């Protein structure tokens, strides 16, 4: 069985999403539902770890990362053997390439 691991950044991303929707937008119910929807879709990776789109298909960066949309958010992850690593959960309109690979982009 595949096992899912959340990076500290991904854990923080989910907490930030929940806080933003719940506190800033004053909608705790939507906050809870949004995070639940995201984590439910992430759990689907246990059965279908390759369900996401290869990130290398939309960028010139050679990477084994994959992603999938969930509402307004994108879940970025990579798979090593039977381990699925959730790297980030980011708002889809952010500059996620720079957030994920900023160091690689400036080193070139």
PDB file of N, CA and C in Angstrom:
ATOM      1  N   UNK A   1       0.847  -1.195   0.000  1.00  0.00           N
ATOM      2  CA  UNK A   1       0.000   0.000   0.000  1.00  0.00           C
ATOM      3  C   UNK A   1       0.875   1.235   0.000  1.00  0.00           C
ATOM      4  N   UNK A   2       0.520   2.204  -0.817  1.00  0.00           N
ATOM      5  CA  UNK A   2       1.249   3.463  -0.875  1.00  0.00           C
ATOM      6  C   UNK A   2       1.016   4.262   0.401  1.00  0.00           C
ATOM      7  N   UNK A   3       2.033   5.019   0.773  1.00  0.00           N
ATOM      8  CA  UNK A   3       1.953   5.824   1.986  1.00  0.00           C
ATOM      9  C   UNK A   3       2.164   7.294   1.641  1.00  0.00           C
ATOM     10  N   UNK A   4       1.355   8.156   2.228  1.00  0.00           N
ATOM     11  CA  UNK A   4       1.422   9.594   1.953  1.00  0.00           C
ATOM     12  C   UNK A   4       2.174  10.299   3.075  1.00  0.00           C
ATOM     13  N   UNK A   5       3.091  11.165   2.677  1.00  0.00           N
ATOM     14  CA  UNK A   5       3.877  11.977   3.613  1.00  0.00           C
ATOM     15  C   UNK A   5       3.687  13.450   3.244  1.00  0.00           C
ATOM     16  N   UNK A   6       3.415  14.277   4.233  1.00  0.00           N
ATOM     17  CA  UNK A   6       3.257  15.718   4.020  1.00  0.00           C
ATOM     18  C   UNK A   6       4.527  16.435   4.459  1.00  0.00           C
ATOM     19  N   UNK A   7       5.045  17.285   3.594  1.00  0.00           N
ATOM     20  CA  UNK A   7       6.187  18.110   3.990  1.00  0.00           C
ATOM     21  C   UNK A   7       5.696  19.147   4.996  1.00  0.00           C
ATOM     22  N   UNK A   8       6.600  19.704   5.796  1.00  0.00           N
ATOM     23  CA  UNK A   8       6.192  20.790   6.699  1.00  0.00           C
ATOM     24  C   UNK A   8       5.569  21.957   5.936  1.00  0.00           C
ATOM     25  N   UNK A   9       6.074  22.238   4.738  1.00  0.00           N
ATOM     26  CA  UNK A   9       5.511  23.325   3.933  1.00  0.00           C
ATOM     27  C   UNK A   9       4.074  23.019   3.515  1.00  0.00           C
ATOM     28  N   UNK A  10       3.813  21.774   3.116  1.00  0.00           N
ATOM     29  CA  UNK A  10       2.451  21.390   2.714  1.00  0.00           C
ATOM     30  C   UNK A  10       1.502  21.457   3.908  1.00  0.00           C
ATOM     31  N   UNK A  11       1.980  21.027   5.065  1.00  0.00           N
ATOM     32  CA  UNK A  11       1.152  21.114   6.273  1.00  0.00           C
ATOM     33  C   UNK A  11       0.821  22.577   6.570  1.00  0.00           C
ATOM     34  N   UNK A  12       1.823  23.435   6.443  1.00  0.00           N
ATOM     35  CA  UNK A  12       1.617  24.866   6.671  1.00  0.00           C
ATOM     36  C   UNK A  12       0.681  25.459   5.616  1.00  0.00           C
ATOM     37  N   UNK A  13       0.817  25.005   4.369  1.00  0.00           N
ATOM     38  CA  UNK A  13      -0.066  25.490   3.306  1.00  0.00           C
ATOM     39  C   UNK A  13      -1.526  25.194   3.652  1.00  0.00           C
ATOM     40  N   UNK A  14      -1.805  23.972   4.094  1.00  0.00           N
ATOM     41  CA  UNK A  14      -3.185  23.600   4.441  1.00  0.00           C
ATOM     42  C   UNK A  14      -3.703  24.426   5.615  1.00  0.00           C
ATOM     43  N   UNK A  15      -2.854  24.647   6.600  1.00  0.00           N
ATOM     44  CA  UNK A  15      -3.238  25.470   7.744  1.00  0.00           C
ATOM     45  C   UNK A  15      -3.510  26.915   7.305  1.00  0.00           C
ATOM     46  N   UNK A  16      -2.658  27.431   6.434  1.00  0.00           N
ATOM     47  CA  UNK A  16      -2.829  28.797   5.931  1.00  0.00           C
ATOM     48  C   UNK A  16      -4.119  28.933   5.128  1.00  0.00           C
ATOM     49  N   UNK A  17      -4.424  27.937   4.304  1.00  0.00           N
ATOM     50  CA  UNK A  17      -5.672  27.951   3.530  1.00  0.00           C
ATOM     51  C   UNK A  17      -6.863  27.991   4.478  1.00  0.00           C
ATOM     52  N   UNK A  18      -6.829  27.126   5.484  1.00  0.00           N
ATOM     53  CA  UNK A  18      -7.937  27.063   6.443  1.00  0.00           C
ATOM     54  C   UNK A  18      -8.077  28.385   7.196  1.00  0.00           C
ATOM     55  N   UNK A  19      -6.969  28.956   7.637  1.00  0.00           N
ATOM     56  CA  UNK A  19      -7.017  30.222   8.365  1.00  0.00           C
ATOM     57  C   UNK A  19      -7.495  31.359   7.480  1.00  0.00           C
ATOM     58  N   UNK A  20      -7.016  31.409   6.251  1.00  0.00           N
ATOM     59  CA  UNK A  20      -7.412  32.492   5.352  1.00  0.00           C
ATOM     60  C   UNK A  20      -8.919  32.467   5.097  1.00  0.00           C
ATOM     61  N   UNK A  21      -9.433  31.301   4.721  1.00  0.00           N
ATOM     62  CA  UNK A  21     -10.864  31.210   4.414  1.00  0.00           C
ATOM     63  C   UNK A  21     -11.699  31.395   5.679  1.00  0.00           C
ATOM     64  N   UNK A  22     -11.262  30.778   6.766  1.00  0.00           N
ATOM     65  CA  UNK A  22     -12.028  30.842   8.011  1.00  0.00           C
ATOM     66  C   UNK A  22     -11.996  32.184   8.703  1.00  0.00           C
ATOM     67  N   UNK A  23     -10.822  32.803   8.752  1.00  0.00           N
ATOM     68  CA  UNK A  23     -10.658  34.052   9.505  1.00  0.00           C
ATOM     69  C   UNK A  23     -10.791  35.281   8.607  1.00  0.00           C
ATOM     70  N   UNK A  24     -10.010  35.321   7.536  1.00  0.00           N
ATOM     71  CA  UNK A  24     -10.025  36.501   6.668  1.00  0.00           C
ATOM     72  C   UNK A  24     -11.339  36.635   5.894  1.00  0.00           C
ATOM     73  N   UNK A  25     -11.839  35.511   5.399  1.00  0.00           N
ATOM     74  CA  UNK A  25     -13.082  35.551   4.634  1.00  0.00           C
ATOM     75  C   UNK A  25     -14.313  35.273   5.501  1.00  0.00           C
ATOM     76  N   UNK A  26     -14.070  35.063   6.801  1.00  0.00           N
ATOM     77  CA  UNK A  26     -15.146  34.859   7.776  1.00  0.00           C
ATOM     78  C   UNK A  26     -16.092  33.706   7.413  1.00  0.00           C
ATOM     79  N   UNK A  27     -15.490  32.604   6.948  1.00  0.00           N
ATOM     80  CA  UNK A  27     -16.315  31.468   6.566  1.00  0.00           C
ATOM     81  C   UNK A  27     -15.681  30.164   7.052  1.00  0.00           C
ATOM     82  N   UNK A  28     -15.782  29.869   8.358  1.00  0.00           N
ATOM     83  CA  UNK A  28     -15.155  28.669   8.899  1.00  0.00           C
ATOM     84  C   UNK A  28     -15.679  27.374   8.281  1.00  0.00           C
ATOM     85  N   UNK A  29     -16.940  27.356   7.902  1.00  0.00           N
ATOM     86  CA  UNK A  29     -17.508  26.161   7.283  1.00  0.00           C
ATOM     87  C   UNK A  29     -16.853  25.895   5.931  1.00  0.00           C
ATOM     88  N   UNK A  30     -16.697  26.928   5.123  1.00  0.00           N
ATOM     89  CA  UNK A  30     -16.033  26.775   3.821  1.00  0.00           C
ATOM     90  C   UNK A  30     -14.569  26.401   4.006  1.00  0.00           C
ATOM     91  N   UNK A  31     -13.935  26.940   5.029  1.00  0.00           N
ATOM     92  CA  UNK A  31     -12.535  26.615   5.310  1.00  0.00           C
ATOM     93  C   UNK A  31     -12.379  25.126   5.582  1.00  0.00           C
ATOM     94  N   UNK A  32     -13.230  24.616   6.451  1.00  0.00           N
ATOM     95  CA  UNK A  32     -13.179  23.193   6.795  1.00  0.00           C
ATOM     96  C   UNK A  32     -13.471  22.330   5.563  1.00  0.00           C
ATOM     97  N   UNK A  33     -14.483  22.702   4.796  1.00  0.00           N
ATOM     98  CA  UNK A  33     -14.852  21.935   3.606  1.00  0.00           C
ATOM     99  C   UNK A  33     -13.763  21.956   2.543  1.00  0.00           C
ATOM    100  N   UNK A  34     -13.125  23.101   2.355  1.00  0.00           N
ATOM    101  CA  UNK A  34     -12.065  23.218   1.358  1.00  0.00           C
ATOM    102  C   UNK A  34     -10.890  22.321   1.703  1.00  0.00           C
ATOM    103  N   UNK A  35     -10.435  22.376   2.944  1.00  0.00           N
ATOM    104  CA  UNK A  35      -9.295  21.552   3.355  1.00  0.00           C
ATOM    105  C   UNK A  35      -9.679  20.067   3.320  1.00  0.00           C
ATOM    106  N   UNK A  36     -10.897  19.740   3.710  1.00  0.00           N
ATOM    107  CA  UNK A  36     -11.351  18.346   3.658  1.00  0.00           C
ATOM    108  C   UNK A  36     -11.377  17.835   2.218  1.00  0.00           C
ATOM    109  N   UNK A  37     -11.818  18.665   1.303  1.00  0.00           N
ATOM    110  CA  UNK A  37     -11.869  18.290  -0.112  1.00  0.00           C
ATOM    111  C   UNK A  37     -10.457  18.029  -0.649  1.00  0.00           C
ATOM    112  N   UNK A  38      -9.528  18.911  -0.292  1.00  0.00           N
ATOM    113  CA  UNK A  38      -8.140  18.758  -0.739  1.00  0.00           C
ATOM    114  C   UNK A  38      -7.537  17.475  -0.174  1.00  0.00           C
ATOM    115  N   UNK A  39      -7.695  17.248   1.123  1.00  0.00           N
ATOM    116  CA  UNK A  39      -7.085  16.057   1.734  1.00  0.00           C
ATOM    117  C   UNK A  39      -7.740  14.766   1.236  1.00  0.00           C
ATOM    118  N   UNK A  40      -9.026  14.827   0.915  1.00  0.00           N
ATOM    119  CA  UNK A  40      -9.689  13.644   0.357  1.00  0.00           C
ATOM    120  C   UNK A  40      -9.095  13.301  -1.008  1.00  0.00           C
ATOM    121  N   UNK A  41      -8.880  14.317  -1.827  1.00  0.00           N
ATOM    122  CA  UNK A  41      -8.295  14.068  -3.143  1.00  0.00           C
ATOM    123  C   UNK A  41      -6.861  13.579  -3.014  1.00  0.00           C
ATOM    124  N   UNK A  42      -6.126  14.102  -2.042  1.00  0.00           N
ATOM    125  CA  UNK A  42      -4.759  13.634  -1.795  1.00  0.00           C
ATOM    126  C   UNK A  42      -4.779  12.154  -1.415  1.00  0.00           C
ATOM    127  N   UNK A  43      -5.732  11.754  -0.583  1.00  0.00           N
ATOM    128  CA  UNK A  43      -5.822  10.337  -0.197  1.00  0.00           C
ATOM    129  C   UNK A  43      -6.039   9.435  -1.412  1.00  0.00           C
ATOM    130  N   UNK A  44      -6.653   9.965  -2.473  1.00  0.00           N
ATOM    131  CA  UNK A  44      -6.836   9.207  -3.702  1.00  0.00           C
ATOM    132  C   UNK A  44      -5.527   8.795  -4.349  1.00  0.00           C
ATOM    133  N   UNK A  45      -4.437   9.501  -4.001  1.00  0.00           N
ATOM    134  CA  UNK A  45      -3.117   9.139  -4.521  1.00  0.00           C
ATOM    135  C   UNK A  45      -2.676   7.759  -4.046  1.00  0.00           C
ATOM    136  N   UNK A  46      -3.191   7.309  -2.919  1.00  0.00           N
ATOM    137  CA  UNK A  46      -2.830   5.972  -2.434  1.00  0.00           C
ATOM    138  C   UNK A  46      -3.161   4.921  -3.472  1.00  0.00           C
ATOM    139  N   UNK A  47      -4.305   5.083  -4.123  1.00  0.00           N
ATOM    140  CA  UNK A  47      -4.726   4.121  -5.133  1.00  0.00           C
ATOM    141  C   UNK A  47      -4.200   4.476  -6.523  1.00  0.00           C
ATOM    142  N   UNK A  48      -4.102   5.766  -6.815  1.00  0.00           N
ATOM    143  CA  UNK A  48      -3.671   6.217  -8.139  1.00  0.00           C
ATOM    144  C   UNK A  48      -2.548   7.244  -8.020  1.00  0.00           C
ATOM    145  N   UNK A  49      -1.332   6.822  -7.665  1.00  0.00           N
ATOM    146  CA  UNK A  49      -0.250   7.776  -7.427  1.00  0.00           C
ATOM    147  C   UNK A  49       0.192   8.558  -8.660  1.00  0.00           C
ATOM    148  N   UNK A  50      -0.114   8.074  -9.830  1.00  0.00           N
ATOM    149  CA  UNK A  50       0.287   8.772 -11.056  1.00  0.00           C
ATOM    150  C   UNK A  50      -0.849   9.598 -11.650  1.00  0.00           C
ATOM    151  N   UNK A  51      -1.893   9.875 -10.860  1.00  0.00           N
ATOM    152  CA  UNK A  51      -3.056  10.582 -11.404  1.00  0.00           C
ATOM    153  C   UNK A  51      -2.761  12.032 -11.767  1.00  0.00           C
ATOM    154  N   UNK A  52      -1.727  12.600 -11.205  1.00  0.00           N
ATOM    155  CA  UNK A  52      -1.415  13.998 -11.471  1.00  0.00           C
ATOM    156  C   UNK A  52      -0.717  14.208 -12.802  1.00  0.00           C
ATOM    157  N   UNK A  53      -0.660  15.438 -13.203  1.00  0.00           N
ATOM    158  CA  UNK A  53      -0.004  15.845 -14.449  1.00  0.00           C
ATOM    159  C   UNK A  53       1.484  16.027 -14.164  1.00  0.00           C
ATOM    160  N   UNK A  54       2.371  15.505 -15.003  1.00  0.00           N
ATOM    161  CA  UNK A  54       3.799  15.760 -14.786  1.00  0.00           C
ATOM    162  C   UNK A  54       4.089  17.256 -14.902  1.00  0.00           C
ATOM    163  N   UNK A  55       4.751  17.800 -13.903  1.00  0.00           N
ATOM    164  CA  UNK A  55       5.077  19.225 -13.907  1.00  0.00           C
ATOM    165  C   UNK A  55       6.010  19.566 -15.063  1.00  0.00           C
ATOM    166  N   UNK A  56       6.823  18.610 -15.478  1.00  0.00           N
ATOM    167  CA  UNK A  56       7.745  18.839 -16.596  1.00  0.00           C
ATOM    168  C   UNK A  56       7.003  19.052 -17.918  1.00  0.00           C
ATOM    169  N   UNK A  57       5.719  18.711 -17.967  1.00  0.00           N
ATOM    170  CA  UNK A  57       4.949  18.918 -19.200  1.00  0.00           C
ATOM    171  C   UNK A  57       4.553  20.384 -19.403  1.00  0.00           C
ATOM    172  N   UNK A  58       4.679  21.206 -18.367  1.00  0.00           N
ATOM    173  CA  UNK A  58       4.307  22.619 -18.495  1.00  0.00           C
ATOM    174  C   UNK A  58       5.458  23.569 -18.195  1.00  0.00           C
ATOM    175  N   UNK A  59       6.636  23.033 -17.945  1.00  0.00           N
ATOM    176  CA  UNK A  59       7.796  23.868 -17.655  1.00  0.00           C
ATOM    177  C   UNK A  59       9.042  23.221 -18.245  1.00  0.00           C
ATOM    178  N   UNK A  60      10.091  23.991 -18.407  1.00  0.00           N
ATOM    179  CA  UNK A  60      11.345  23.469 -18.948  1.00  0.00           C
ATOM    180  C   UNK A  60      12.240  22.872 -17.870  1.00  0.00           C
ATOM    181  N   UNK A  61      11.734  22.757 -16.665  1.00  0.00           N
ATOM    182  CA  UNK A  61      12.516  22.209 -15.561  1.00  0.00           C
ATOM    183  C   UNK A  61      12.357  20.696 -15.552  1.00  0.00           C
ATOM    184  N   UNK A  62      13.479  19.986 -15.526  1.00  0.00           N
ATOM    185  CA  UNK A  62      13.458  18.522 -15.479  1.00  0.00           C
ATOM    186  C   UNK A  62      13.165  18.106 -14.039  1.00  0.00           C
ATOM    187  N   UNK A  63      11.965  17.604 -13.809  1.00  0.00           N
ATOM    188  CA  UNK A  63      11.545  17.242 -12.458  1.00  0.00           C
ATOM    189  C   UNK A  63      10.621  16.036 -12.501  1.00  0.00           C
ATOM    190  N   UNK A  64      10.608  15.287 -11.419  1.00  0.00           N
ATOM    191  CA  UNK A  64       9.678  14.152 -11.320  1.00  0.00           C
ATOM    192  C   UNK A  64       8.406  14.547 -10.558  1.00  0.00           C
ATOM    193  N   UNK A  65       8.248  15.816 -10.271  1.00  0.00           N
ATOM    194  CA  UNK A  65       7.055  16.297  -9.564  1.00  0.00           C
ATOM    195  C   UNK A  65       5.831  16.193 -10.465  1.00  0.00           C
ATOM    196  N   UNK A  66       4.704  15.991  -9.823  1.00  0.00           N
ATOM    197  CA  UNK A  66       3.414  15.956 -10.488  1.00  0.00           C
ATOM    198  C   UNK A  66       2.497  16.914  -9.739  1.00  0.00           C
ATOM    199  N   UNK A  67       1.361  17.236 -10.344  1.00  0.00           N
ATOM    200  CA  UNK A  67       0.406  18.093  -9.660  1.00  0.00           C
ATOM    201  C   UNK A  67      -0.994  17.783 -10.152  1.00  0.00           C
ATOM    202  N   UNK A  68      -1.962  18.185  -9.354  1.00  0.00           N
ATOM    203  CA  UNK A  68      -3.356  18.099  -9.775  1.00  0.00           C
ATOM    204  C   UNK A  68      -4.121  19.254  -9.143  1.00  0.00           C
ATOM    205  N   UNK A  69      -5.154  19.707  -9.847  1.00  0.00           N
ATOM    206  CA  UNK A  69      -5.970  20.788  -9.297  1.00  0.00           C
ATOM    207  C   UNK A  69      -7.010  20.242  -8.334  1.00  0.00           C
ATOM    208  N   UNK A  70      -7.355  21.069  -7.382  1.00  0.00           N
ATOM    209  CA  UNK A  70      -8.450  20.760  -6.457  1.00  0.00           C
ATOM    210  C   UNK A  70      -9.104  22.096  -6.122  1.00  0.00           C
ATOM    211  N   UNK A  71     -10.182  22.400  -6.821  1.00  0.00           N
ATOM    212  CA  UNK A  71     -10.812  23.705  -6.663  1.00  0.00           C
ATOM    213  C   UNK A  71      -9.853  24.778  -7.143  1.00  0.00           C
ATOM    214  N   UNK A  72      -9.622  25.781  -6.315  1.00  0.00           N
ATOM    215  CA  UNK A  72      -8.715  26.881  -6.659  1.00  0.00           C
ATOM    216  C   UNK A  72      -7.256  26.585  -6.329  1.00  0.00           C
ATOM    217  N   UNK A  73      -6.970  25.378  -5.871  1.00  0.00           N
ATOM    218  CA  UNK A  73      -5.641  25.036  -5.389  1.00  0.00           C
ATOM    219  C   UNK A  73      -4.996  23.966  -6.256  1.00  0.00           C
ATOM    220  N   UNK A  74      -3.660  23.922  -6.192  1.00  0.00           N
ATOM    221  CA  UNK A  74      -2.885  22.901  -6.880  1.00  0.00           C
ATOM    222  C   UNK A  74      -2.080  22.139  -5.846  1.00  0.00           C
ATOM    223  N   UNK A  75      -2.110  20.820  -5.939  1.00  0.00           N
ATOM    224  CA  UNK A  75      -1.347  19.964  -5.039  1.00  0.00           C
ATOM    225  C   UNK A  75      -0.128  19.470  -5.811  1.00  0.00           C
ATOM    226  N   UNK A  76       1.059  19.724  -5.277  1.00  0.00           N
ATOM    227  CA  UNK A  76       2.315  19.314  -5.897  1.00  0.00           C
ATOM    228  C   UNK A  76       2.912  18.175  -5.081  1.00  0.00           C
ATOM    229  N   UNK A  77       3.328  17.133  -5.779  1.00  0.00           N
ATOM    230  CA  UNK A  77       3.840  15.951  -5.085  1.00  0.00           C
ATOM    231  C   UNK A  77       4.828  15.201  -5.966  1.00  0.00           C
ATOM    232  N   UNK A  78       5.528  14.268  -5.356  1.00  0.00           N
ATOM    233  CA  UNK A  78       6.371  13.345  -6.108  1.00  0.00           C
ATOM    234  C   UNK A  78       6.277  11.970  -5.458  1.00  0.00           C
ATOM    235  N   UNK A  79       6.592  10.967  -6.248  1.00  0.00           N
ATOM    236  CA  UNK A  79       6.456   9.583  -5.810  1.00  0.00           C
ATOM    237  C   UNK A  79       7.828   8.921  -5.856  1.00  0.00           C
ATOM    238  N   UNK A  80       8.170   8.248  -4.765  1.00  0.00           N
ATOM    239  CA  UNK A  80       9.383   7.434  -4.718  1.00  0.00           C
ATOM    240  C   UNK A  80       8.967   6.066  -4.182  1.00  0.00           C
ATOM    241  N   UNK A  81       9.041   5.085  -5.068  1.00  0.00           N
ATOM    242  CA  UNK A  81       8.613   3.723  -4.737  1.00  0.00           C
ATOM    243  C   UNK A  81       7.151   3.752  -4.268  1.00  0.00           C
ATOM    244  N   UNK A  82       6.890   3.325  -3.054  1.00  0.00           N
ATOM    245  CA  UNK A  82       5.520   3.295  -2.527  1.00  0.00           C
ATOM    246  C   UNK A  82       5.238   4.482  -1.616  1.00  0.00           C
ATOM    247  N   UNK A  83       6.082   5.501  -1.700  1.00  0.00           N
ATOM    248  CA  UNK A  83       5.918   6.692  -0.877  1.00  0.00           C
ATOM    249  C   UNK A  83       5.530   7.877  -1.742  1.00  0.00           C
ATOM    250  N   UNK A  84       4.479   8.569  -1.312  1.00  0.00           N
ATOM    251  CA  UNK A  84       3.984   9.752  -2.005  1.00  0.00           C
ATOM    252  C   UNK A  84       4.261  10.942  -1.100  1.00  0.00           C
ATOM    253  N   UNK A  85       5.032  11.886  -1.620  1.00  0.00           N
ATOM    254  CA  UNK A  85       5.426  13.045  -0.839  1.00  0.00           C
ATOM    255  C   UNK A  85       4.660  14.276  -1.326  1.00  0.00           C
ATOM    256  N   UNK A  86       3.808  14.807  -0.464  1.00  0.00           N
ATOM    257  CA  UNK A  86       3.070  16.025  -0.772  1.00  0.00           C
ATOM    258  C   UNK A  86       4.000  17.185  -0.440  1.00  0.00           C
ATOM    259  N   UNK A  87       4.409  17.906  -1.480  1.00  0.00           N
ATOM    260  CA  UNK A  87       5.389  18.971  -1.302  1.00  0.00           C
ATOM    261  C   UNK A  87       4.755  20.316  -0.974  1.00  0.00           C
ATOM    262  N   UNK A  88       3.719  20.686  -1.716  1.00  0.00           N
ATOM    263  CA  UNK A  88       3.063  21.973  -1.494  1.00  0.00           C
ATOM    264  C   UNK A  88       1.607  21.883  -1.911  1.00  0.00           C
ATOM    265  N   UNK A  89       0.798  22.765  -1.341  1.00  0.00           N
ATOM    266  CA  UNK A  89      -0.592  22.961  -1.742  1.00  0.00           C
ATOM    267  C   UNK A  89      -0.736  24.473  -1.901  1.00  0.00           C
ATOM    268  N   UNK A  90      -0.816  24.925  -3.157  1.00  0.00           N
ATOM    269  CA  UNK A  90      -0.749  26.355  -3.437  1.00  0.00           C
ATOM    270  C   UNK A  90      -1.975  26.851  -4.199  1.00  0.00           C
ATOM    271  N   UNK A  91      -2.313  28.086  -3.956  1.00  0.00           N
ATOM    272  CA  UNK A  91      -3.383  28.734  -4.696  1.00  0.00           C
ATOM    273  C   UNK A  91      -2.981  28.766  -6.167  1.00  0.00           C
ATOM    274  N   UNK A  92      -3.868  28.372  -7.038  1.00  0.00           N
ATOM    275  CA  UNK A  92      -3.558  28.200  -8.448  1.00  0.00           C
ATOM    276  C   UNK A  92      -3.106  29.440  -9.191  1.00  0.00           C
ATOM    277  N   UNK A  93      -3.421  30.628  -8.693  1.00  0.00           N
ATOM    278  CA  UNK A  93      -3.030  31.857  -9.385  1.00  0.00           C
ATOM    279  C   UNK A  93      -1.694  32.417  -8.898  1.00  0.00           C
ATOM    280  N   UNK A  94      -1.066  31.703  -7.963  1.00  0.00           N
ATOM    281  CA  UNK A  94       0.258  32.148  -7.505  1.00  0.00           C
ATOM    282  C   UNK A  94       1.318  31.730  -8.519  1.00  0.00           C
ATOM    283  N   UNK A  95       2.490  32.296  -8.421  1.00  0.00           N
ATOM    284  CA  UNK A  95       3.604  31.924  -9.290  1.00  0.00           C
ATOM    285  C   UNK A  95       4.257  30.672  -8.698  1.00  0.00           C
ATOM    286  N   UNK A  96       3.581  29.541  -8.870  1.00  0.00           N
ATOM    287  CA  UNK A  96       4.013  28.308  -8.208  1.00  0.00           C
ATOM    288  C   UNK A  96       5.354  27.787  -8.721  1.00  0.00           C
ATOM    289  N   UNK A  97       5.714  28.058  -9.962  1.00  0.00           N
ATOM    290  CA  UNK A  97       7.015  27.609 -10.474  1.00  0.00           C
ATOM    291  C   UNK A  97       8.135  28.289  -9.690  1.00  0.00           C
ATOM    292  N   UNK A  98       8.011  29.577  -9.478  1.00  0.00           N
ATOM    293  CA  UNK A  98       9.024  30.297  -8.708  1.00  0.00           C
ATOM    294  C   UNK A  98       9.031  29.834  -7.255  1.00  0.00           C
ATOM    295  N   UNK A  99       7.843  29.588  -6.691  1.00  0.00           N
ATOM    296  CA  UNK A  99       7.781  29.120  -5.301  1.00  0.00           C
ATOM    297  C   UNK A  99       8.457  27.755  -5.166  1.00  0.00           C
ATOM    298  N   UNK A 100       8.209  26.870  -6.112  1.00  0.00           N
ATOM    299  CA  UNK A 100       8.771  25.520  -6.045  1.00  0.00           C
ATOM    300  C   UNK A 100      10.242  25.450  -6.432  1.00  0.00           C
ATOM    301  N   UNK A 101      10.631  26.210  -7.438  1.00  0.00           N
ATOM    302  CA  UNK A 101      11.965  26.058  -8.018  1.00  0.00           C
ATOM    303  C   UNK A 101      12.753  27.359  -8.093  1.00  0.00           C
ATOM    304  N   UNK A 102      12.450  28.310  -7.240  1.00  0.00           N
ATOM    305  CA  UNK A 102      13.114  29.609  -7.270  1.00  0.00           C
ATOM    306  C   UNK A 102      14.632  29.528  -7.319  1.00  0.00           C
ATOM    307  N   UNK A 103      15.210  28.656  -6.500  1.00  0.00           N
ATOM    308  CA  UNK A 103      16.669  28.513  -6.464  1.00  0.00           C
ATOM    309  C   UNK A 103      17.212  28.026  -7.810  1.00  0.00           C
ATOM    310  N   UNK A 104      16.516  27.088  -8.407  1.00  0.00           N
ATOM    311  CA  UNK A 104      16.957  26.537  -9.695  1.00  0.00           C
ATOM    312  C   UNK A 104      16.856  27.586 -10.806  1.00  0.00           C
ATOM    313  N   UNK A 105      15.851  28.440 -10.716  1.00  0.00           N
ATOM    314  CA  UNK A 105      15.640  29.443 -11.757  1.00  0.00           C
ATOM    315  C   UNK A 105      16.703  30.533 -11.711  1.00  0.00           C
ATOM    316  N   UNK A 106      17.188  30.868 -10.515  1.00  0.00           N
ATOM    317  CA  UNK A 106      18.193  31.941 -10.393  1.00  0.00           C
ATOM    318  C   UNK A 106      19.615  31.420 -10.529  1.00  0.00           C
ATOM    319  N   UNK A 107      19.831  30.119 -10.353  1.00  0.00           N
ATOM    320  CA  UNK A 107      21.177  29.542 -10.463  1.00  0.00           C
ATOM    321  C   UNK A 107      21.645  29.425 -11.905  1.00  0.00           C
ATOM    322  N   UNK A 108      20.702  29.410 -12.881  1.00  0.00           N
ATOM    323  CA  UNK A 108      21.024  29.180 -14.291  1.00  0.00           C
ATOM    324  C   UNK A 108      21.647  30.321 -14.894  1.00  0.00           C
TER     325      UNK A 108
END
